[in-house]
Each structure stands twice: as structure tokens, then as C-alpha cells.
Amino acid sequence: MAPESGSHAPASGDTLVLTDGRLFTLTNVENGVRGWWFSAMAWDGTCTLHWNMRLEWDAQANVWRPAGAREAVPAVVAASRSRVARRRSEPRHPQLE
């Protein structure tokens, strides 16, 4: 994982994965003295975070995580994204044969 001071910085629309596996989309991000100040909306729309923490970029999973988090998340992200893709690929109206 690259440190937050690297070439990649958090931006609106990026995915944030908390250590408990919950997925959020960053909506506002500002760099502060003690880390990033951000707002983020849960993928399921149930809550919004307004927080300040240091973040690390996980290039393998293509997500941001709290600095120091070492849990494996790619499977969680991949499963969530495949469910969304599956819903979009299903026909809206059943075909009659």
C-alpha cells in the first residue's frame, strides 16, 4: 500500500473500506494536518460518515482504507461490485418465448 503522501490522493467518488468491511463512497475530501477530512456515503445508502483519519491507498483492491488496516478486502469489494453488475445485466422485463 502506498502512503497517503504518495502520488495518489483520495478524491470524491473513490471507495473507502472500513476495517469491519463496510463500503463507502467518498463525497468530499480535504487534506488536513492530522489526516484527511472527508464525508462518505455508505454503498447501501444507510448512513453518512464525516470523519478525519489517515488513509492508505490499496492498489490491489483499488480502494482507500484507514492507515494501518491490513485486513483482506478485495473479495468484499469484488462481491459487492459483481452484485451490482448482475442486477444491471438482468432484463427489466421477462422475455416470453
PDB file of N, CA and C in Angstrom:
ATOM      1  N   MET A   1       0.826  -1.170   0.000  1.00  0.00           N
ATOM      2  CA  MET A   1       0.000   0.000   0.000  1.00  0.00           C
ATOM      3  C   MET A   1       0.875   1.240   0.000  1.00  0.00           C
ATOM      4  N   ALA A   2       0.512   2.188  -0.794  1.00  0.00           N
ATOM      5  CA  ALA A   2       1.263   3.436  -0.843  1.00  0.00           C
ATOM      6  C   ALA A   2       0.766   4.371   0.255  1.00  0.00           C
ATOM      7  N   PRO A   3       1.659   5.143   0.875  1.00  0.00           N
ATOM      8  CA  PRO A   3       1.215   6.086   1.882  1.00  0.00           C
ATOM      9  C   PRO A   3       0.405   7.205   1.263  1.00  0.00           C
ATOM     10  N   GLU A   4      -0.397   7.877   2.109  1.00  0.00           N
ATOM     11  CA  GLU A   4      -1.273   8.925   1.609  1.00  0.00           C
ATOM     12  C   GLU A   4      -0.508  10.077   0.978  1.00  0.00           C
ATOM     13  N   SER A   5       0.765  10.250   1.321  1.00  0.00           N
ATOM     14  CA  SER A   5       1.556  11.342   0.753  1.00  0.00           C
ATOM     15  C   SER A   5       2.081  11.005  -0.641  1.00  0.00           C
ATOM     16  N   GLY A   6       1.785   9.828  -1.149  1.00  0.00           N
ATOM     17  CA  GLY A   6       2.239   9.425  -2.473  1.00  0.00           C
ATOM     18  C   GLY A   6       1.522  10.180  -3.566  1.00  0.00           C
ATOM     19  N   SER A   7       1.661   9.714  -4.807  1.00  0.00           N
ATOM     20  CA  SER A   7       1.101  10.417  -5.947  1.00  0.00           C
ATOM     21  C   SER A   7      -0.423  10.301  -6.023  1.00  0.00           C
ATOM     22  N   HIS A   8      -1.012   9.337  -5.371  1.00  0.00           N
ATOM     23  CA  HIS A   8      -2.461   9.136  -5.405  1.00  0.00           C
ATOM     24  C   HIS A   8      -3.085   9.771  -4.164  1.00  0.00           C
ATOM     25  N   ALA A   9      -4.038  10.634  -4.337  1.00  0.00           N
ATOM     26  CA  ALA A   9      -4.725  11.280  -3.214  1.00  0.00           C
ATOM     27  C   ALA A   9      -6.203  10.927  -3.269  1.00  0.00           C
ATOM     28  N   PRO A  10      -6.873  10.795  -2.111  1.00  0.00           N
ATOM     29  CA  PRO A  10      -8.305  10.488  -2.111  1.00  0.00           C
ATOM     30  C   PRO A  10      -9.089  11.575  -2.839  1.00  0.00           C
ATOM     31  N   ALA A  11     -10.118  11.161  -3.551  1.00  0.00           N
ATOM     32  CA  ALA A  11     -10.946  12.102  -4.302  1.00  0.00           C
ATOM     33  C   ALA A  11     -12.407  11.674  -4.218  1.00  0.00           C
ATOM     34  N   SER A  12     -13.281  12.614  -4.446  1.00  0.00           N
ATOM     35  CA  SER A  12     -14.712  12.329  -4.477  1.00  0.00           C
ATOM     36  C   SER A  12     -14.984  11.216  -5.485  1.00  0.00           C
ATOM     37  N   GLY A  13     -15.768  10.233  -5.078  1.00  0.00           N
ATOM     38  CA  GLY A  13     -16.084   9.090  -5.939  1.00  0.00           C
ATOM     39  C   GLY A  13     -15.248   7.862  -5.643  1.00  0.00           C
ATOM     40  N   ASP A  14     -14.134   8.016  -4.927  1.00  0.00           N
ATOM     41  CA  ASP A  14     -13.296   6.869  -4.560  1.00  0.00           C
ATOM     42  C   ASP A  14     -14.006   6.022  -3.506  1.00  0.00           C
ATOM     43  N   THR A  15     -13.640   4.752  -3.427  1.00  0.00           N
ATOM     44  CA  THR A  15     -14.212   3.827  -2.449  1.00  0.00           C
ATOM     45  C   THR A  15     -13.342   3.786  -1.198  1.00  0.00           C
ATOM     46  N   LEU A  16     -14.000   3.793  -0.046  1.00  0.00           N
ATOM     47  CA  LEU A  16     -13.360   3.649   1.255  1.00  0.00           C
ATOM     48  C   LEU A  16     -13.897   2.377   1.888  1.00  0.00           C
ATOM     49  N   VAL A  17     -13.001   1.523   2.380  1.00  0.00           N
ATOM     50  CA  VAL A  17     -13.404   0.294   3.060  1.00  0.00           C
ATOM     51  C   VAL A  17     -12.929   0.392   4.509  1.00  0.00           C
ATOM     52  N   LEU A  18     -13.872   0.338   5.445  1.00  0.00           N
ATOM     53  CA  LEU A  18     -13.514   0.366   6.856  1.00  0.00           C
ATOM     54  C   LEU A  18     -13.007  -1.000   7.288  1.00  0.00           C
ATOM     55  N   THR A  19     -12.359  -1.064   8.443  1.00  0.00           N
ATOM     56  CA  THR A  19     -11.773  -2.323   8.902  1.00  0.00           C
ATOM     57  C   THR A  19     -12.820  -3.401   9.131  1.00  0.00           C
ATOM     58  N   ASP A  20     -14.084  -3.024   9.348  1.00  0.00           N
ATOM     59  CA  ASP A  20     -15.139  -4.032   9.538  1.00  0.00           C
ATOM     60  C   ASP A  20     -15.757  -4.471   8.213  1.00  0.00           C
ATOM     61  N   GLY A  21     -15.231  -3.947   7.090  1.00  0.00           N
ATOM     62  CA  GLY A  21     -15.689  -4.377   5.771  1.00  0.00           C
ATOM     63  C   GLY A  21     -16.764  -3.508   5.151  1.00  0.00           C
ATOM     64  N   ARG A  22     -17.290  -2.510   5.871  1.00  0.00           N
ATOM     65  CA  ARG A  22     -18.323  -1.644   5.293  1.00  0.00           C
ATOM     66  C   ARG A  22     -17.726  -0.781   4.187  1.00  0.00           C
ATOM     67  N   LEU A  23     -18.494  -0.586   3.112  1.00  0.00           N
ATOM     68  CA  LEU A  23     -18.042   0.145   1.937  1.00  0.00           C
ATOM     69  C   LEU A  23     -18.711   1.512   1.856  1.00  0.00           C
ATOM     70  N   PHE A  24     -17.911   2.535   1.553  1.00  0.00           N
ATOM     71  CA  PHE A  24     -18.398   3.898   1.435  1.00  0.00           C
ATOM     72  C   PHE A  24     -17.837   4.525   0.170  1.00  0.00           C
ATOM     73  N   THR A  25     -18.545   5.514  -0.358  1.00  0.00           N
ATOM     74  CA  THR A  25     -18.052   6.315  -1.472  1.00  0.00           C
ATOM     75  C   THR A  25     -17.748   7.700  -0.935  1.00  0.00           C
ATOM     76  N   LEU A  26     -16.500   8.145  -1.140  1.00  0.00           N
ATOM     77  CA  LEU A  26     -16.108   9.473  -0.679  1.00  0.00           C
ATOM     78  C   LEU A  26     -16.881  10.535  -1.457  1.00  0.00           C
ATOM     79  N   THR A  27     -17.390  11.550  -0.734  1.00  0.00           N
ATOM     80  CA  THR A  27     -18.130  12.622  -1.389  1.00  0.00           C
ATOM     81  C   THR A  27     -17.393  13.950  -1.313  1.00  0.00           C
ATOM     82  N   ASN A  28     -16.737  14.249  -0.206  1.00  0.00           N
ATOM     83  CA  ASN A  28     -15.915  15.457  -0.030  1.00  0.00           C
ATOM     84  C   ASN A  28     -14.628  15.050   0.651  1.00  0.00           C
ATOM     85  N   VAL A  29     -13.493  15.592   0.201  1.00  0.00           N
ATOM     86  CA  VAL A  29     -12.203  15.227   0.789  1.00  0.00           C
ATOM     87  C   VAL A  29     -11.330  16.471   0.886  1.00  0.00           C
ATOM     88  N   GLU A  30     -10.718  16.678   2.064  1.00  0.00           N
ATOM     89  CA  GLU A  30      -9.756  17.763   2.261  1.00  0.00           C
ATOM     90  C   GLU A  30      -8.573  17.235   3.054  1.00  0.00           C
ATOM     91  N   ASN A  31      -7.370  17.626   2.663  1.00  0.00           N
ATOM     92  CA  ASN A  31      -6.163  17.202   3.364  1.00  0.00           C
ATOM     93  C   ASN A  31      -5.973  18.094   4.588  1.00  0.00           C
ATOM     94  N   GLY A  32      -5.840  17.470   5.758  1.00  0.00           N
ATOM     95  CA  GLY A  32      -5.627  18.209   6.994  1.00  0.00           C
ATOM     96  C   GLY A  32      -4.320  17.818   7.653  1.00  0.00           C
ATOM     97  N   VAL A  33      -3.973  18.505   8.736  1.00  0.00           N
ATOM     98  CA  VAL A  33      -2.738  18.247   9.460  1.00  0.00           C
ATOM     99  C   VAL A  33      -2.718  16.829  10.041  1.00  0.00           C
ATOM    100  N   ARG A  34      -3.854  16.353  10.492  1.00  0.00           N
ATOM    101  CA  ARG A  34      -3.930  15.029  11.137  1.00  0.00           C
ATOM    102  C   ARG A  34      -4.535  13.956  10.246  1.00  0.00           C
ATOM    103  N   GLY A  35      -4.523  14.156   8.962  1.00  0.00           N
ATOM    104  CA  GLY A  35      -5.089  13.171   8.048  1.00  0.00           C
ATOM    105  C   GLY A  35      -6.085  13.837   7.119  1.00  0.00           C
ATOM    106  N   TRP A  36      -6.926  13.027   6.516  1.00  0.00           N
ATOM    107  CA  TRP A  36      -7.913  13.521   5.563  1.00  0.00           C
ATOM    108  C   TRP A  36      -9.238  13.770   6.263  1.00  0.00           C
ATOM    109  N   TRP A  37      -9.820  14.948   6.033  1.00  0.00           N
ATOM    110  CA  TRP A  37     -11.195  15.221   6.450  1.00  0.00           C
ATOM    111  C   TRP A  37     -12.072  14.817   5.280  1.00  0.00           C
ATOM    112  N   PHE A  38     -13.096  14.024   5.548  1.00  0.00           N
ATOM    113  CA  PHE A  38     -13.933  13.580   4.434  1.00  0.00           C
ATOM    114  C   PHE A  38     -15.367  13.318   4.867  1.00  0.00           C
ATOM    115  N   SER A  39     -16.229  13.318   3.892  1.00  0.00           N
ATOM    116  CA  SER A  39     -17.598  12.833   4.028  1.00  0.00           C
ATOM    117  C   SER A  39     -17.708  11.650   3.090  1.00  0.00           C
ATOM    118  N   ALA A  40     -18.467  10.657   3.486  1.00  0.00           N
ATOM    119  CA  ALA A  40     -18.625   9.465   2.649  1.00  0.00           C
ATOM    120  C   ALA A  40     -20.012   8.878   2.866  1.00  0.00           C
ATOM    121  N   MET A  41     -20.602   8.367   1.804  1.00  0.00           N
ATOM    122  CA  MET A  41     -21.932   7.756   1.851  1.00  0.00           C
ATOM    123  C   MET A  41     -21.784   6.240   1.750  1.00  0.00           C
ATOM    124  N   ALA A  42     -22.481   5.516   2.617  1.00  0.00           N
ATOM    125  CA  ALA A  42     -22.460   4.052   2.565  1.00  0.00           C
ATOM    126  C   ALA A  42     -22.998   3.584   1.217  1.00  0.00           C
ATOM    127  N   TRP A  43     -22.444   2.483   0.715  1.00  0.00           N
ATOM    128  CA  TRP A  43     -22.889   1.961  -0.585  1.00  0.00           C
ATOM    129  C   TRP A  43     -24.361   1.625  -0.585  1.00  0.00           C
ATOM    130  N   ASP A  44     -24.892   1.202   0.575  1.00  0.00           N
ATOM    131  CA  ASP A  44     -26.316   0.862   0.633  1.00  0.00           C
ATOM    132  C   ASP A  44     -27.178   2.077   0.977  1.00  0.00           C
ATOM    133  N   GLY A  45     -26.548   3.255   1.141  1.00  0.00           N
ATOM    134  CA  GLY A  45     -27.286   4.485   1.394  1.00  0.00           C
ATOM    135  C   GLY A  45     -27.826   4.649   2.805  1.00  0.00           C
ATOM    136  N   THR A  46     -27.425   3.773   3.730  1.00  0.00           N
ATOM    137  CA  THR A  46     -27.992   3.804   5.080  1.00  0.00           C
ATOM    138  C   THR A  46     -27.371   4.844   5.992  1.00  0.00           C
ATOM    139  N   CYS A  47     -26.150   5.317   5.704  1.00  0.00           N
ATOM    140  CA  CYS A  47     -25.522   6.294   6.595  1.00  0.00           C
ATOM    141  C   CYS A  47     -24.461   7.094   5.870  1.00  0.00           C
ATOM    142  N   THR A  48     -24.077   8.194   6.516  1.00  0.00           N
ATOM    143  CA  THR A  48     -23.031   9.066   6.012  1.00  0.00           C
ATOM    144  C   THR A  48     -21.984   9.251   7.098  1.00  0.00           C
ATOM    145  N   LEU A  49     -20.719   9.225   6.717  1.00  0.00           N
ATOM    146  CA  LEU A  49     -19.615   9.492   7.644  1.00  0.00           C
ATOM    147  C   LEU A  49     -19.102  10.901   7.422  1.00  0.00           C
ATOM    148  N   HIS A  50     -18.726  11.571   8.507  1.00  0.00           N
ATOM    149  CA  HIS A  50     -17.986  12.833   8.460  1.00  0.00           C
ATOM    150  C   HIS A  50     -16.830  12.589   9.408  1.00  0.00           C
ATOM    151  N   TRP A  51     -15.619  12.447   8.875  1.00  0.00           N
ATOM    152  CA  TRP A  51     -14.533  11.916   9.685  1.00  0.00           C
ATOM    153  C   TRP A  51     -13.201  12.539   9.313  1.00  0.00           C
ATOM    154  N   ASN A  52     -12.234  12.338  10.212  1.00  0.00           N
ATOM    155  CA  ASN A  52     -10.851  12.738   9.987  1.00  0.00           C
ATOM    156  C   ASN A  52      -9.968  11.552  10.345  1.00  0.00           C
ATOM    157  N   MET A  53      -9.212  11.045   9.385  1.00  0.00           N
ATOM    158  CA  MET A  53      -8.274   9.951   9.650  1.00  0.00           C
ATOM    159  C   MET A  53      -7.234   9.887   8.557  1.00  0.00           C
ATOM    160  N   ARG A  54      -6.157   9.208   8.868  1.00  0.00           N
ATOM    161  CA  ARG A  54      -5.130   8.959   7.861  1.00  0.00           C
ATOM    162  C   ARG A  54      -5.600   7.779   7.005  1.00  0.00           C
ATOM    163  N   LEU A  55      -5.416   7.915   5.699  1.00  0.00           N
ATOM    164  CA  LEU A  55      -5.858   6.883   4.763  1.00  0.00           C
ATOM    165  C   LEU A  55      -4.661   6.356   3.989  1.00  0.00           C
ATOM    166  N   GLU A  56      -4.763   5.096   3.578  1.00  0.00           N
ATOM    167  CA  GLU A  56      -3.766   4.459   2.714  1.00  0.00           C
ATOM    168  C   GLU A  56      -4.474   3.923   1.484  1.00  0.00           C
ATOM    169  N   TRP A  57      -3.804   4.023   0.349  1.00  0.00           N
ATOM    170  CA  TRP A  57      -4.335   3.511  -0.907  1.00  0.00           C
ATOM    171  C   TRP A  57      -3.964   2.048  -1.043  1.00  0.00           C
ATOM    172  N   ASP A  58      -4.942   1.191  -1.311  1.00  0.00           N
ATOM    173  CA  ASP A  58      -4.711  -0.225  -1.572  1.00  0.00           C
ATOM    174  C   ASP A  58      -4.859  -0.419  -3.077  1.00  0.00           C
ATOM    175  N   ALA A  59      -3.736  -0.431  -3.776  1.00  0.00           N
ATOM    176  CA  ALA A  59      -3.749  -0.514  -5.240  1.00  0.00           C
ATOM    177  C   ALA A  59      -4.300  -1.845  -5.733  1.00  0.00           C
ATOM    178  N   GLN A  60      -4.113  -2.906  -4.974  1.00  0.00           N
ATOM    179  CA  GLN A  60      -4.611  -4.221  -5.387  1.00  0.00           C
ATOM    180  C   GLN A  60      -6.133  -4.246  -5.408  1.00  0.00           C
ATOM    181  N   ALA A  61      -6.764  -3.678  -4.373  1.00  0.00           N
ATOM    182  CA  ALA A  61      -8.229  -3.666  -4.283  1.00  0.00           C
ATOM    183  C   ALA A  61      -8.830  -2.407  -4.900  1.00  0.00           C
ATOM    184  N   ASN A  62      -7.984  -1.425  -5.228  1.00  0.00           N
ATOM    185  CA  ASN A  62      -8.429  -0.160  -5.802  1.00  0.00           C
ATOM    186  C   ASN A  62      -9.378   0.584  -4.859  1.00  0.00           C
ATOM    187  N   VAL A  63      -9.008   0.626  -3.561  1.00  0.00           N
ATOM    188  CA  VAL A  63      -9.817   1.273  -2.525  1.00  0.00           C
ATOM    189  C   VAL A  63      -8.914   2.010  -1.535  1.00  0.00           C
ATOM    190  N   TRP A  64      -9.496   2.918  -0.786  1.00  0.00           N
ATOM    191  CA  TRP A  64      -8.834   3.551   0.343  1.00  0.00           C
ATOM    192  C   TRP A  64      -9.211   2.805   1.594  1.00  0.00           C
ATOM    193  N   ARG A  65      -8.283   2.751   2.561  1.00  0.00           N
ATOM    194  CA  ARG A  65      -8.555   2.144   3.860  1.00  0.00           C
ATOM    195  C   ARG A  65      -7.923   3.003   4.941  1.00  0.00           C
ATOM    196  N   PRO A  66      -8.384   2.854   6.184  1.00  0.00           N
ATOM    197  CA  PRO A  66      -7.710   3.546   7.284  1.00  0.00           C
ATOM    198  C   PRO A  66      -6.251   3.110   7.343  1.00  0.00           C
ATOM    199  N   ALA A  67      -5.350   4.046   7.617  1.00  0.00           N
ATOM    200  CA  ALA A  67      -3.921   3.727   7.698  1.00  0.00           C
ATOM    201  C   ALA A  67      -3.692   2.638   8.731  1.00  0.00           C
ATOM    202  N   GLY A  68      -2.880   1.657   8.373  1.00  0.00           N
ATOM    203  CA  GLY A  68      -2.566   0.562   9.278  1.00  0.00           C
ATOM    204  C   GLY A  68      -3.502  -0.625   9.167  1.00  0.00           C
ATOM    205  N   ALA A  69      -4.614  -0.501   8.454  1.00  0.00           N
ATOM    206  CA  ALA A  69      -5.549  -1.625   8.287  1.00  0.00           C
ATOM    207  C   ALA A  69      -4.907  -2.646   7.362  1.00  0.00           C
ATOM    208  N   ARG A  70      -4.879  -3.882   7.777  1.00  0.00           N
ATOM    209  CA  ARG A  70      -4.221  -4.919   6.982  1.00  0.00           C
ATOM    210  C   ARG A  70      -5.159  -6.061   6.619  1.00  0.00           C
ATOM    211  N   GLU A  71      -6.447  -5.899   6.837  1.00  0.00           N
ATOM    212  CA  GLU A  71      -7.386  -6.988   6.534  1.00  0.00           C
ATOM    213  C   GLU A  71      -7.590  -7.108   5.036  1.00  0.00           C
ATOM    214  N   ALA A  72      -7.826  -8.332   4.578  1.00  0.00           N
ATOM    215  CA  ALA A  72      -8.078  -8.571   3.163  1.00  0.00           C
ATOM    216  C   ALA A  72      -9.474  -8.092   2.818  1.00  0.00           C
ATOM    217  N   VAL A  73      -9.596  -7.217   1.825  1.00  0.00           N
ATOM    218  CA  VAL A  73     -10.889  -6.670   1.446  1.00  0.00           C
ATOM    219  C   VAL A  73     -11.245  -6.925  -0.017  1.00  0.00           C
ATOM    220  N   PRO A  74     -10.290  -7.282  -0.880  1.00  0.00           N
ATOM    221  CA  PRO A  74     -10.663  -7.408  -2.284  1.00  0.00           C
ATOM    222  C   PRO A  74     -11.870  -8.298  -2.544  1.00  0.00           C
ATOM    223  N   ALA A  75     -12.046  -9.376  -1.805  1.00  0.00           N
ATOM    224  CA  ALA A  75     -13.194 -10.256  -2.030  1.00  0.00           C
ATOM    225  C   ALA A  75     -14.495  -9.542  -1.703  1.00  0.00           C
ATOM    226  N   VAL A  76     -14.512  -8.735  -0.653  1.00  0.00           N
ATOM    227  CA  VAL A  76     -15.714  -7.988  -0.279  1.00  0.00           C
ATOM    228  C   VAL A  76     -16.063  -6.997  -1.370  1.00  0.00           C
ATOM    229  N   VAL A  77     -15.067  -6.265  -1.846  1.00  0.00           N
ATOM    230  CA  VAL A  77     -15.299  -5.274  -2.888  1.00  0.00           C
ATOM    231  C   VAL A  77     -15.745  -5.957  -4.172  1.00  0.00           C
ATOM    232  N   ALA A  78     -15.066  -7.032  -4.551  1.00  0.00           N
ATOM    233  CA  ALA A  78     -15.405  -7.753  -5.783  1.00  0.00           C
ATOM    234  C   ALA A  78     -16.822  -8.309  -5.708  1.00  0.00           C
ATOM    235  N   ALA A  79     -17.207  -8.877  -4.575  1.00  0.00           N
ATOM    236  CA  ALA A  79     -18.554  -9.431  -4.423  1.00  0.00           C
ATOM    237  C   ALA A  79     -19.602  -8.336  -4.528  1.00  0.00           C
ATOM    238  N   SER A  80     -19.371  -7.198  -3.906  1.00  0.00           N
ATOM    239  CA  SER A  80     -20.320  -6.094  -3.957  1.00  0.00           C
ATOM    240  C   SER A  80     -20.472  -5.572  -5.371  1.00  0.00           C
ATOM    241  N   ARG A  81     -19.354  -5.418  -6.062  1.00  0.00           N
ATOM    242  CA  ARG A  81     -19.407  -4.903  -7.429  1.00  0.00           C
ATOM    243  C   ARG A  81     -20.059  -5.899  -8.370  1.00  0.00           C
ATOM    244  N   SER A  82     -19.861  -7.198  -8.160  1.00  0.00           N
ATOM    245  CA  SER A  82     -20.472  -8.185  -9.051  1.00  0.00           C
ATOM    246  C   SER A  82     -21.980  -8.243  -8.833  1.00  0.00           C
ATOM    247  N   ARG A  83     -22.451  -8.028  -7.591  1.00  0.00           N
ATOM    248  CA  ARG A  83     -23.900  -7.990  -7.353  1.00  0.00           C
ATOM    249  C   ARG A  83     -24.526  -6.827  -8.094  1.00  0.00           C
ATOM    250  N   VAL A  84     -23.865  -5.668  -8.077  1.00  0.00           N
ATOM    251  CA  VAL A  84     -24.377  -4.501  -8.789  1.00  0.00           C
ATOM    252  C   VAL A  84     -24.391  -4.781 -10.285  1.00  0.00           C
ATOM    253  N   ALA A  85     -23.316  -5.347 -10.808  1.00  0.00           N
ATOM    254  CA  ALA A  85     -23.235  -5.650 -12.238  1.00  0.00           C
ATOM    255  C   ALA A  85     -24.293  -6.669 -12.636  1.00  0.00           C
ATOM    256  N   ARG A  86     -24.527  -7.672 -11.784  1.00  0.00           N
ATOM    257  CA  ARG A  86     -25.538  -8.687 -12.079  1.00  0.00           C
ATOM    258  C   ARG A  86     -26.919  -8.065 -12.170  1.00  0.00           C
ATOM    259  N   ARG A  87     -27.248  -7.163 -11.237  1.00  0.00           N
ATOM    260  CA  ARG A  87     -28.554  -6.520 -11.255  1.00  0.00           C
ATOM    261  C   ARG A  87     -28.745  -5.710 -12.531  1.00  0.00           C
ATOM    262  N   ARG A  88     -27.699  -5.046 -12.979  1.00  0.00           N
ATOM    263  CA  ARG A  88     -27.796  -4.220 -14.173  1.00  0.00           C
ATOM    264  C   ARG A  88     -27.923  -5.050 -15.435  1.00  0.00           C
ATOM    265  N   SER A  89     -27.355  -6.262 -15.437  1.00  0.00           N
ATOM    266  CA  SER A  89     -27.379  -7.069 -16.649  1.00  0.00           C
ATOM    267  C   SER A  89     -28.669  -7.870 -16.805  1.00  0.00           C
ATOM    268  N   GLU A  90     -29.453  -7.983 -15.744  1.00  0.00           N
ATOM    269  CA  GLU A  90     -30.712  -8.724 -15.845  1.00  0.00           C
ATOM    270  C   GLU A  90     -31.725  -7.895 -16.629  1.00  0.00           C
ATOM    271  N   PRO A  91     -32.520  -8.536 -17.487  1.00  0.00           N
ATOM    272  CA  PRO A  91     -33.519  -7.778 -18.243  1.00  0.00           C
ATOM    273  C   PRO A  91     -34.576  -7.192 -17.303  1.00  0.00           C
ATOM    274  N   ARG A  92     -35.068  -6.014 -17.650  1.00  0.00           N
ATOM    275  CA  ARG A  92     -36.089  -5.385 -16.818  1.00  0.00           C
ATOM    276  C   ARG A  92     -37.445  -6.073 -16.952  1.00  0.00           C
ATOM    277  N   HIS A  93     -37.723  -6.579 -18.129  1.00  0.00           N
ATOM    278  CA  HIS A  93     -38.986  -7.273 -18.369  1.00  0.00           C
ATOM    279  C   HIS A  93     -38.675  -8.678 -18.866  1.00  0.00           C
ATOM    280  N   PRO A  94     -39.295  -9.676 -18.286  1.00  0.00           N
ATOM    281  CA  PRO A  94     -39.015 -11.050 -18.730  1.00  0.00           C
ATOM    282  C   PRO A  94     -39.431 -11.222 -20.204  1.00  0.00           C
ATOM    283  N   GLN A  95     -38.663 -12.003 -20.921  1.00  0.00           N
ATOM    284  CA  GLN A  95     -38.951 -12.313 -22.310  1.00  0.00           C
ATOM    285  C   GLN A  95     -39.899 -13.505 -22.368  1.00  0.00           C
ATOM    286  N   LEU A  96     -40.924 -13.409 -23.157  1.00  0.00           N
ATOM    287  CA  LEU A  96     -41.836 -14.541 -23.370  1.00  0.00           C
ATOM    288  C   LEU A  96     -41.371 -15.316 -24.586  1.00  0.00           C
ATOM    289  N   GLU A  97     -41.389 -16.624 -24.477  1.00  0.00           N
ATOM    290  CA  GLU A  97     -40.948 -17.440 -25.612  1.00  0.00           C
ATOM    291  C   GLU A  97     -42.107 -17.929 -26.406  1.00  0.00           C
TER     292      GLU A  97
END
